[in-house]
């Protein structure tokens, strides 16, 4: 990967992270730290073990609350917009299909 490609990838990642952060309502930092812990995870087999990752600087109670409060409540007046923002950010991590057909057997 060239320096230019690396810089482009880092920029895309920062934009993605910012979009995700904007879509979150509660416990934004907790969710971002959880994502950091998940992406650097090499040995955790449970959510509790993720809370021991050095990139997750909070305690395991915060981890559970972050997961519980990840999605906005349906009574939130901006519910549809928040869900759309989250889905938009998450969908950018899914690579496009390389083949335009499906094989069924």
Protein backbone atom coordinates (compact mmCIF):
# COMPACT_ATOMS: atom_id res chain seq x y z
CA UNK A 1 0.00 0.00 0.00
CA UNK A 2 1.43 3.37 -0.98
CA UNK A 3 1.51 6.40 1.29
CA UNK A 4 -1.30 7.97 -0.72
CA UNK A 5 -3.47 4.85 -0.46
CA UNK A 6 -2.80 4.67 3.27
CA UNK A 7 -3.71 8.33 3.72
CA UNK A 8 -6.91 7.80 1.74
CA UNK A 9 -7.84 4.74 3.82
CA UNK A 10 -7.19 6.60 7.07
CA UNK A 11 -9.29 9.53 5.88
CA UNK A 12 -12.17 7.21 4.91
CA UNK A 13 -11.96 5.51 8.30
CA UNK A 14 -12.05 8.84 10.15
CA UNK A 15 -15.09 9.97 8.15
CA UNK A 16 -16.82 6.64 8.85
CA UNK A 17 -16.02 6.88 12.57
CA UNK A 18 -17.31 10.45 12.71
CA UNK A 19 -20.55 9.48 10.93
CA UNK A 20 -21.08 6.62 13.35
CA UNK A 21 -20.35 8.87 16.33
CA UNK A 22 -22.91 11.41 15.09
CA UNK A 23 -25.55 8.69 14.78
CA UNK A 24 -25.17 7.59 18.38
CA UNK A 25 -27.27 9.26 21.03
CA UNK A 26 -26.08 7.77 24.30
CA UNK A 27 -22.74 6.42 25.48
CA UNK A 28 -20.93 7.51 22.33
CA UNK A 29 -17.43 7.12 23.75
CA UNK A 30 -18.29 3.73 25.23
CA UNK A 31 -19.47 2.41 21.85
CA UNK A 32 -16.40 3.77 20.04
CA UNK A 33 -14.08 2.20 22.63
CA UNK A 34 -15.99 -1.07 22.32
CA UNK A 35 -15.45 -0.99 18.54
CA UNK A 36 -11.75 -0.32 19.10
CA UNK A 37 -11.58 -3.27 21.51
CA UNK A 38 -13.43 -5.52 19.05
CA UNK A 39 -11.18 -4.56 16.14
CA UNK A 40 -8.00 -5.20 18.08
CA UNK A 41 -9.33 -8.35 19.78
CA UNK A 42 -7.22 -11.45 19.38
CA UNK A 43 -8.26 -13.55 22.33
CA UNK A 44 -11.46 -12.36 24.02
CA UNK A 45 -14.19 -15.00 23.94
CA UNK A 46 -16.88 -13.00 25.71
CA UNK A 47 -18.14 -9.48 26.18
CA UNK A 48 -16.69 -9.43 29.69
CA UNK A 49 -13.25 -10.28 28.30
CA UNK A 50 -13.56 -7.36 25.85
CA UNK A 51 -13.86 -5.04 28.83
CA UNK A 52 -10.31 -6.09 29.78
CA UNK A 53 -8.88 -4.85 26.47
CA UNK A 54 -6.58 -1.83 27.02
CA UNK A 55 -8.49 0.13 24.36
CA UNK A 56 -11.66 -0.17 26.43
CA UNK A 57 -10.92 2.21 29.30
CA UNK A 58 -14.22 1.81 31.13
CA UNK A 59 -15.53 -0.96 33.36
CA UNK A 60 -17.67 -3.87 32.22
CA UNK A 61 -20.86 -2.22 33.50
CA UNK A 62 -20.31 0.59 30.99
CA UNK A 63 -19.85 -2.00 28.27
CA UNK A 64 -23.24 -3.59 28.99
CA UNK A 65 -24.95 -0.21 29.22
CA UNK A 66 -23.40 0.84 25.92
CA UNK A 67 -24.75 -2.27 24.23
CA UNK A 68 -28.20 -1.81 25.81
CA UNK A 69 -28.40 1.84 24.78
CA UNK A 70 -26.80 1.49 21.34
CA UNK A 71 -30.06 1.89 19.43
CA UNK A 72 -32.31 4.88 20.09
CA UNK A 73 -35.63 4.27 21.77
CA UNK A 74 -38.68 4.29 19.54
CA UNK A 75 -40.07 7.20 21.55
CA UNK A 76 -37.11 9.36 20.44
CA UNK A 77 -38.52 12.12 18.19
CA UNK A 78 -35.53 11.65 15.84
CA UNK A 79 -35.73 7.84 15.88
CA UNK A 80 -35.96 7.34 12.09
CA UNK A 81 -33.12 9.77 11.39
CA UNK A 82 -30.84 8.18 14.02
CA UNK A 83 -31.52 4.67 12.72
CA UNK A 84 -30.84 5.81 9.15
CA UNK A 85 -27.56 7.44 10.20
CA UNK A 86 -26.43 4.30 12.03
CA UNK A 87 -27.39 1.99 9.15
CA UNK A 88 -25.69 4.30 6.67
CA UNK A 89 -22.45 4.26 8.68
CA UNK A 90 -22.54 0.51 9.20
CA UNK A 91 -23.40 -0.26 5.56
CA UNK A 92 -20.24 1.51 4.43
CA UNK A 93 -18.21 -1.27 6.06
CA UNK A 94 -19.81 -3.94 3.85
CA UNK A 95 -17.79 -4.44 0.67
CA UNK A 96 -19.67 -4.25 -2.61
CA UNK A 97 -20.45 -7.50 -4.35
CA UNK A 98 -17.80 -8.49 -6.84
CA UNK A 99 -20.11 -10.65 -8.94
CA UNK A 100 -23.47 -9.55 -10.19
CA UNK A 101 -25.06 -12.97 -10.05
CA UNK A 102 -25.93 -15.67 -7.53
CA UNK A 103 -25.31 -19.37 -7.86
CA UNK A 104 -28.00 -21.62 -6.50
CA UNK A 105 -27.92 -25.35 -6.45
